[in-house]
Amino acid sequence: MGRLMASTKQLAAREADARFLADHDALTGLANRRRLESLFTAFFAKVQPGVQRVAVACVDLDRFKDINDTLGHNAGDELIKAVGERLKSMLGENDTLARLGGDEFAIMRPVTSDEDATVLADLITDCFSESFLVMGHLIEANASTGLAFASSSNSFGDTIKRADIALYDAKANGRGRLSKFTKAMADEIEHR
């Protein structure tokens, strides 16, 4: 009987772990892309008065490969966790932080004005204003950020794509900066 109960508990624990990992990143415990998309869809299913759209920021560490190459992948993983923890500590309760994969994060914030998005951009900048202590090394990390807005007429996929285009623009124009998506950016990429 004792073994059966232990086995049942182990099975329940494994099922709980599997459910958690379906919606969360294994390394950081943050929401993953699937969970972010689910929250995006749920947000527009019950839009609150005064809040008609969200800002989605894609944040990508600059020169992350150099960290992996010089300090090793364990240090890279620890930096990703540290960045995730610091970003999470700076965000509000209505914000959602997700790790999309590799060294890329996404933040979703309900906004009522462009000023709300500017505040988000400032928080992201502040996150990287201090070094990260990783495995005995002080790492000066920077990130590029692409920002896009979505309303109920936009799909999650299109919104992430626009934020990624803006992120590409930020990296192409000097790194360590923020770019807001414009139609001109999309037109240029299509032209290429």
Protein backbone atom coordinates (compact mmCIF):
# COMPACT_ATOMS: atom_id res chain seq x y z
CA MET A 1 0.00 0.00 0.00
CA GLY A 2 2.86 2.39 0.90
CA ARG A 3 4.58 1.79 -2.44
CA LEU A 4 1.33 2.40 -4.31
CA MET A 5 0.82 5.73 -2.51
CA ALA A 6 4.43 6.75 -3.19
CA SER A 7 4.03 5.79 -6.84
CA THR A 8 0.78 7.76 -7.09
CA LYS A 9 2.45 10.81 -5.52
CA GLN A 10 5.40 10.52 -7.92
CA LEU A 11 3.04 10.28 -10.87
CA ALA A 12 1.08 13.31 -9.68
CA ALA A 13 4.33 15.26 -9.21
CA ARG A 14 5.51 14.33 -12.72
CA GLU A 15 2.16 15.38 -14.20
CA ALA A 16 2.35 18.71 -12.33
CA ASP A 17 5.90 19.22 -13.65
CA ALA A 18 4.78 18.42 -17.19
CA ARG A 19 1.88 20.90 -16.94
CA PHE A 20 4.25 23.57 -15.61
CA LEU A 21 6.84 22.97 -18.36
CA ALA A 22 4.16 23.15 -21.05
CA ASP A 23 3.74 26.85 -20.24
CA HIS A 24 7.07 27.79 -18.68
CA ASP A 25 10.72 27.94 -19.63
CA ALA A 26 12.71 25.11 -18.03
CA LEU A 27 15.80 27.24 -17.29
CA THR A 28 14.22 30.37 -15.80
CA GLY A 29 10.73 29.27 -14.75
CA LEU A 30 9.34 32.27 -16.66
CA ALA A 31 6.41 32.02 -19.03
CA ASN A 32 7.30 30.59 -22.44
CA ARG A 33 6.05 31.67 -25.89
CA ARG A 34 2.99 29.43 -25.62
CA ARG A 35 1.98 30.96 -22.26
CA LEU A 36 2.60 34.49 -23.53
CA GLU A 37 0.38 33.84 -26.53
CA SER A 38 -2.33 32.43 -24.27
CA LEU A 39 -2.22 35.53 -22.04
CA PHE A 40 -2.23 37.82 -25.10
CA THR A 41 -5.37 36.11 -26.40
CA ALA A 42 -7.02 36.16 -22.98
CA PHE A 43 -6.26 39.86 -22.57
CA PHE A 44 -8.14 40.79 -25.73
CA ALA A 45 -11.01 38.45 -24.84
CA LYS A 46 -11.70 40.65 -21.81
CA VAL A 47 -10.36 44.10 -22.65
CA GLN A 48 -10.75 46.49 -19.75
CA PRO A 49 -12.17 50.00 -20.18
CA GLY A 50 -9.41 52.49 -20.99
CA VAL A 51 -6.92 49.80 -21.94
CA GLN A 52 -7.29 49.04 -25.61
CA ARG A 53 -3.89 47.68 -26.51
CA VAL A 54 -0.69 46.11 -25.29
CA ALA A 55 2.95 46.87 -25.85
CA VAL A 56 5.17 43.88 -26.59
CA ALA A 57 8.90 44.32 -26.16
CA CYS A 58 11.37 41.74 -27.44
CA VAL A 59 14.64 42.00 -25.52
CA ASP A 60 17.76 40.27 -26.82
CA LEU A 61 21.15 40.25 -25.07
CA ASP A 62 23.90 41.82 -27.14
CA ARG A 63 27.00 39.75 -27.82
CA PHE A 64 25.71 36.86 -25.75
CA LYS A 65 27.74 34.41 -27.84
CA ASP A 66 30.92 36.10 -26.55
CA ILE A 67 29.92 35.25 -22.97
CA ASN A 68 29.29 31.61 -23.86
CA ASP A 69 32.57 31.45 -25.78
CA THR A 70 34.73 33.03 -23.07
CA LEU A 71 33.06 31.91 -19.82
CA GLY A 72 31.20 28.80 -20.96
CA HIS A 73 27.59 27.81 -21.40
CA ASN A 74 26.99 27.42 -17.66
CA ALA A 75 27.86 31.09 -17.19
CA GLY A 76 25.59 31.95 -20.11
CA ASP A 77 22.73 30.06 -18.48
CA GLU A 78 23.37 31.80 -15.16
CA LEU A 79 23.36 35.20 -16.90
CA ILE A 80 20.03 34.39 -18.56
CA LYS A 81 18.57 33.47 -15.16
CA ALA A 82 19.97 36.64 -13.58
CA VAL A 83 18.58 38.85 -16.35
CA GLY A 84 15.19 37.14 -16.01
CA GLU A 85 15.16 37.68 -12.24
CA ARG A 86 16.16 41.33 -12.52
CA LEU A 87 13.61 42.07 -15.23
CA LYS A 88 10.91 40.31 -13.23
CA SER A 89 11.73 42.34 -10.12
CA MET A 90 11.30 45.60 -12.07
CA LEU A 91 7.97 44.82 -13.72
CA GLY A 92 4.47 45.44 -12.44
CA GLU A 93 1.75 42.94 -11.65
CA ASN A 94 -0.01 43.52 -15.00
CA ASP A 95 3.17 42.85 -16.98
CA THR A 96 4.09 39.43 -18.32
CA LEU A 97 7.71 38.40 -18.76
CA ALA A 98 8.53 35.42 -20.95
CA ARG A 99 11.67 33.78 -22.23
CA LEU A 100 11.21 33.07 -25.92
CA GLY A 101 14.38 31.01 -26.19
CA GLY A 102 18.13 31.47 -26.28
CA ASP A 103 18.90 34.92 -24.94
CA GLU A 104 15.60 36.51 -26.00
CA PHE A 105 12.89 37.66 -23.61
CA ALA A 106 9.52 39.25 -24.25
CA ILE A 107 7.51 41.58 -22.06
CA MET A 108 3.82 42.25 -22.55
CA ARG A 109 2.27 45.29 -20.87
CA PRO A 110 -1.28 46.66 -21.15
CA VAL A 111 -0.99 50.32 -22.19
CA THR A 112 -3.30 53.29 -22.38
CA SER A 113 -0.74 55.61 -24.01
CA ASP A 114 2.66 55.64 -25.67
CA GLU A 115 3.99 57.04 -22.38
CA ASP A 116 3.27 53.67 -20.71
CA ALA A 117 5.51 52.03 -23.28
CA THR A 118 8.23 54.64 -22.68
CA VAL A 119 8.16 53.75 -18.98
CA LEU A 120 8.58 50.09 -19.96
CA ALA A 121 11.54 50.97 -22.17
CA ASP A 122 13.13 52.88 -19.29
CA LEU A 123 12.70 49.86 -17.00
CA ILE A 124 14.45 47.65 -19.52
CA THR A 125 17.32 50.15 -19.79
CA ASP A 126 17.56 50.31 -15.99
CA CYS A 127 17.78 46.52 -15.83
CA PHE A 128 21.10 46.62 -17.66
CA SER A 129 22.54 49.71 -15.94
CA GLU A 130 24.34 47.56 -13.34
CA SER A 131 26.66 44.61 -13.89
CA PHE A 132 25.54 41.04 -13.26
CA LEU A 133 27.56 38.86 -10.88
CA VAL A 134 27.75 35.46 -12.54
CA MET A 135 29.92 32.64 -11.25
CA GLY A 136 32.39 35.08 -9.73
CA HIS A 137 32.52 37.31 -12.81
CA LEU A 138 31.07 40.80 -13.15
CA ILE A 139 29.40 40.90 -16.54
CA GLU A 140 28.45 44.17 -18.21
CA ALA A 141 25.49 43.00 -20.25
CA ASN A 142 23.58 45.11 -22.73
CA ALA A 143 20.43 44.37 -24.62
CA SER A 144 18.64 45.57 -27.71
CA THR A 145 14.89 45.96 -27.60
CA GLY A 146 12.20 45.99 -30.24
CA LEU A 147 8.79 47.39 -29.33
CA ALA A 148 5.46 46.86 -31.05
CA PHE A 149 1.87 47.65 -30.14
CA ALA A 150 -1.16 45.43 -30.58
CA SER A 151 -4.88 45.95 -30.44
CA SER A 152 -7.65 43.39 -30.62
CA SER A 153 -7.33 43.32 -34.41
CA ASN A 154 -3.73 42.06 -34.25
CA SER A 155 -2.68 38.46 -33.86
CA PHE A 156 0.00 37.37 -31.43
CA GLY A 157 2.17 36.08 -34.27
CA ASP A 158 2.03 39.38 -36.15
CA THR A 159 2.76 41.35 -32.99
CA ILE A 160 5.83 39.27 -32.12
CA LYS A 161 6.98 39.51 -35.72
CA ARG A 162 6.74 43.32 -35.62
CA ALA A 163 8.60 43.45 -32.28
CA ASP A 164 11.31 41.20 -33.79
CA ILE A 165 11.61 43.50 -36.82
CA ALA A 166 12.09 46.45 -34.45
CA LEU A 167 14.64 44.38 -32.49
CA TYR A 168 16.54 43.69 -35.70
CA ASP A 169 16.53 47.44 -36.39
CA ALA A 170 17.91 48.18 -32.90
CA LYS A 171 20.74 45.67 -33.36
CA ALA A 172 21.53 46.94 -36.87
CA ASN A 173 21.76 50.52 -35.62
CA GLY A 174 24.25 50.16 -32.82
CA ARG A 175 22.91 47.66 -30.26
CA GLY A 176 22.04 48.53 -26.70
CA ARG A 177 19.09 50.57 -27.85
CA LEU A 178 15.34 50.44 -28.35
CA SER A 179 13.50 50.67 -31.64
CA LYS A 180 9.75 51.05 -32.03
CA PHE A 181 8.23 49.21 -34.95
CA THR A 182 7.30 51.28 -37.98
CA LYS A 183 5.80 50.21 -41.28
CA ALA A 184 8.95 51.53 -42.98
CA MET A 185 10.99 48.85 -41.16
CA ALA A 186 8.74 46.11 -42.48
CA ASP A 187 8.84 47.57 -45.99
CA GLU A 188 12.65 47.64 -45.93
CA ILE A 189 12.89 44.01 -44.82
CA GLU A 190 10.39 42.98 -47.50
CA HIS A 191 12.42 44.91 -50.07
CA ARG A 192 15.59 43.05 -49.06
